[in-house]
Amino acid sequence: MPIRVELDLLLVQRKIKLTDLAEKVDITLANLSILKTGKARAMRFSTLERICQALGCQPGDILKFDPD
């Protein structure tokens, strides 16, 4: 898939654990893990918004387009 979710990098940069982010954005750890590993086929804008708020970032910091 040419769109990648780069949540790992942001979590490391902000020193936040996946479990802590899951609590902050009110999403299950399992669903957040699916996003983090790139196995998700879709993401709701409301979820993206909450992740951006929790991490203090922009959607473009999380989602990357890589046609290769």
N, C-alpha and C. Protein backbone atom coordinates (compact mmCIF):
# COMPACT_ATOMS: atom_id res chain seq x y z
N MET A 1 0.85 -1.18 0.00
CA MET A 1 0.00 0.00 0.00
C MET A 1 0.90 1.24 0.00
N PRO A 2 0.63 2.19 -0.87
CA PRO A 2 1.51 3.36 -0.96
C PRO A 2 1.37 4.37 0.17
N ILE A 3 0.36 4.25 1.02
CA ILE A 3 0.25 5.16 2.16
C ILE A 3 0.70 4.42 3.41
N ARG A 4 1.69 5.00 4.08
CA ARG A 4 2.25 4.40 5.29
C ARG A 4 1.86 5.21 6.52
N VAL A 5 1.67 4.53 7.62
CA VAL A 5 1.41 5.18 8.90
C VAL A 5 2.72 5.15 9.68
N GLU A 6 3.24 6.32 10.00
CA GLU A 6 4.52 6.42 10.70
C GLU A 6 4.33 6.82 12.16
N LEU A 7 3.54 6.04 12.83
CA LEU A 7 3.24 6.31 14.23
C LEU A 7 4.43 5.97 15.13
N ASP A 8 5.19 4.95 14.77
CA ASP A 8 6.35 4.54 15.57
C ASP A 8 7.31 5.69 15.81
N LEU A 9 7.64 6.39 14.74
CA LEU A 9 8.61 7.48 14.83
C LEU A 9 8.11 8.58 15.77
N LEU A 10 6.84 8.93 15.64
CA LEU A 10 6.29 9.98 16.50
C LEU A 10 6.26 9.56 17.97
N LEU A 11 5.95 8.29 18.21
CA LEU A 11 5.93 7.81 19.59
C LEU A 11 7.32 7.87 20.21
N VAL A 12 8.32 7.51 19.45
CA VAL A 12 9.70 7.57 19.95
C VAL A 12 10.11 9.01 20.18
N GLN A 13 9.83 9.88 19.22
CA GLN A 13 10.21 11.29 19.35
C GLN A 13 9.56 11.95 20.56
N ARG A 14 8.33 11.57 20.85
CA ARG A 14 7.62 12.20 21.96
C ARG A 14 7.68 11.40 23.25
N LYS A 15 8.39 10.28 23.18
CA LYS A 15 8.59 9.41 24.35
C LYS A 15 7.26 9.01 24.98
N ILE A 16 6.35 8.56 24.13
CA ILE A 16 5.03 8.12 24.58
C ILE A 16 4.87 6.65 24.22
N LYS A 17 4.37 5.88 25.15
CA LYS A 17 4.12 4.46 24.90
C LYS A 17 2.78 4.30 24.18
N LEU A 18 2.68 3.23 23.41
CA LEU A 18 1.47 2.95 22.66
C LEU A 18 0.26 2.84 23.59
N THR A 19 0.45 2.23 24.75
CA THR A 19 -0.66 2.09 25.70
C THR A 19 -1.13 3.45 26.21
N ASP A 20 -0.19 4.36 26.44
CA ASP A 20 -0.56 5.71 26.90
C ASP A 20 -1.32 6.46 25.82
N LEU A 21 -0.87 6.33 24.57
CA LEU A 21 -1.57 6.99 23.48
C LEU A 21 -2.98 6.42 23.31
N ALA A 22 -3.11 5.13 23.45
CA ALA A 22 -4.42 4.49 23.33
C ALA A 22 -5.40 5.07 24.36
N GLU A 23 -4.92 5.27 25.57
CA GLU A 23 -5.77 5.86 26.61
C GLU A 23 -6.13 7.31 26.28
N LYS A 24 -5.15 8.08 25.80
CA LYS A 24 -5.39 9.49 25.50
C LYS A 24 -6.39 9.69 24.37
N VAL A 25 -6.35 8.84 23.36
CA VAL A 25 -7.22 9.02 22.20
C VAL A 25 -8.47 8.15 22.28
N ASP A 26 -8.60 7.40 23.36
CA ASP A 26 -9.78 6.56 23.59
C ASP A 26 -10.01 5.58 22.44
N ILE A 27 -8.96 4.80 22.16
CA ILE A 27 -9.02 3.76 21.15
C ILE A 27 -8.40 2.51 21.77
N THR A 28 -8.88 1.35 21.37
CA THR A 28 -8.32 0.14 21.96
C THR A 28 -6.87 -0.03 21.54
N LEU A 29 -6.10 -0.67 22.39
CA LEU A 29 -4.70 -0.92 22.10
C LEU A 29 -4.57 -1.78 20.84
N ALA A 30 -5.49 -2.73 20.67
CA ALA A 30 -5.45 -3.59 19.49
C ALA A 30 -5.64 -2.79 18.21
N ASN A 31 -6.60 -1.88 18.18
CA ASN A 31 -6.84 -1.06 16.99
C ASN A 31 -5.68 -0.09 16.72
N LEU A 32 -5.12 0.47 17.78
CA LEU A 32 -3.99 1.37 17.60
C LEU A 32 -2.77 0.60 17.10
N SER A 33 -2.61 -0.61 17.56
CA SER A 33 -1.51 -1.46 17.10
C SER A 33 -1.66 -1.78 15.61
N ILE A 34 -2.88 -2.01 15.17
CA ILE A 34 -3.15 -2.25 13.74
C ILE A 34 -2.75 -1.03 12.92
N LEU A 35 -3.05 0.15 13.42
CA LEU A 35 -2.64 1.38 12.74
C LEU A 35 -1.12 1.50 12.70
N LYS A 36 -0.50 1.23 13.83
CA LYS A 36 0.94 1.39 13.96
C LYS A 36 1.71 0.45 13.03
N THR A 37 1.22 -0.76 12.88
CA THR A 37 1.92 -1.74 12.06
C THR A 37 1.61 -1.61 10.58
N GLY A 38 0.72 -0.70 10.23
CA GLY A 38 0.39 -0.48 8.82
C GLY A 38 -0.59 -1.47 8.24
N LYS A 39 -1.27 -2.22 9.09
CA LYS A 39 -2.22 -3.22 8.62
C LYS A 39 -3.63 -2.66 8.45
N ALA A 40 -3.83 -1.43 8.87
CA ALA A 40 -5.16 -0.82 8.76
C ALA A 40 -5.44 -0.46 7.30
N ARG A 41 -6.67 -0.64 6.88
CA ARG A 41 -7.08 -0.29 5.53
C ARG A 41 -7.76 1.08 5.49
N ALA A 42 -8.12 1.60 6.66
CA ALA A 42 -8.81 2.89 6.74
C ALA A 42 -8.60 3.48 8.13
N MET A 43 -8.80 4.79 8.21
CA MET A 43 -8.74 5.48 9.50
C MET A 43 -9.77 6.59 9.47
N ARG A 44 -10.54 6.70 10.53
CA ARG A 44 -11.52 7.77 10.63
C ARG A 44 -10.81 9.09 10.88
N PHE A 45 -11.37 10.14 10.31
CA PHE A 45 -10.81 11.47 10.54
C PHE A 45 -10.85 11.83 12.02
N SER A 46 -11.87 11.39 12.71
CA SER A 46 -11.96 11.70 14.15
C SER A 46 -10.83 11.03 14.92
N THR A 47 -10.46 9.83 14.53
CA THR A 47 -9.33 9.15 15.17
C THR A 47 -8.03 9.86 14.84
N LEU A 48 -7.86 10.23 13.59
CA LEU A 48 -6.66 10.96 13.17
C LEU A 48 -6.55 12.28 13.92
N GLU A 49 -7.67 12.95 14.08
CA GLU A 49 -7.69 14.22 14.81
C GLU A 49 -7.25 14.04 16.26
N ARG A 50 -7.78 13.01 16.92
CA ARG A 50 -7.42 12.77 18.33
C ARG A 50 -5.95 12.38 18.47
N ILE A 51 -5.43 11.61 17.53
CA ILE A 51 -4.01 11.25 17.57
C ILE A 51 -3.16 12.50 17.39
N CYS A 52 -3.53 13.35 16.44
CA CYS A 52 -2.78 14.59 16.22
C CYS A 52 -2.81 15.49 17.45
N GLN A 53 -3.96 15.58 18.09
CA GLN A 53 -4.06 16.39 19.31
C GLN A 53 -3.17 15.83 20.41
N ALA A 54 -3.19 14.51 20.59
CA ALA A 54 -2.42 13.88 21.66
C ALA A 54 -0.92 14.00 21.42
N LEU A 55 -0.50 13.93 20.15
CA LEU A 55 0.92 13.96 19.84
C LEU A 55 1.42 15.35 19.45
N GLY A 56 0.50 16.31 19.31
CA GLY A 56 0.90 17.66 18.92
C GLY A 56 1.53 17.68 17.53
N CYS A 57 0.86 17.03 16.59
CA CYS A 57 1.41 16.93 15.24
C CYS A 57 0.33 17.21 14.19
N GLN A 58 0.73 17.14 12.94
CA GLN A 58 -0.16 17.32 11.81
C GLN A 58 -0.43 15.95 11.16
N PRO A 59 -1.54 15.79 10.46
CA PRO A 59 -1.81 14.51 9.78
C PRO A 59 -0.67 14.07 8.87
N GLY A 60 -0.01 15.01 8.22
CA GLY A 60 1.11 14.68 7.35
C GLY A 60 2.32 14.13 8.08
N ASP A 61 2.37 14.33 9.39
CA ASP A 61 3.44 13.74 10.20
C ASP A 61 3.19 12.26 10.43
N ILE A 62 1.93 11.85 10.33
CA ILE A 62 1.54 10.47 10.59
C ILE A 62 1.43 9.66 9.30
N LEU A 63 0.83 10.27 8.28
CA LEU A 63 0.58 9.57 7.03
C LEU A 63 1.59 10.01 5.97
N LYS A 64 2.22 9.04 5.32
CA LYS A 64 3.20 9.32 4.26
C LYS A 64 2.80 8.57 3.01
N PHE A 65 3.00 9.21 1.87
CA PHE A 65 2.71 8.59 0.59
C PHE A 65 4.03 8.12 -0.03
N ASP A 66 4.12 6.84 -0.30
CA ASP A 66 5.32 6.24 -0.88
C ASP A 66 4.91 5.34 -2.03
N PRO A 67 4.94 5.84 -3.27
CA PRO A 67 4.45 5.07 -4.40
C PRO A 67 5.27 3.82 -4.70
N ASP A 68 6.48 3.75 -4.18
CA ASP A 68 7.31 2.56 -4.42
C ASP A 68 6.90 1.50 -3.47
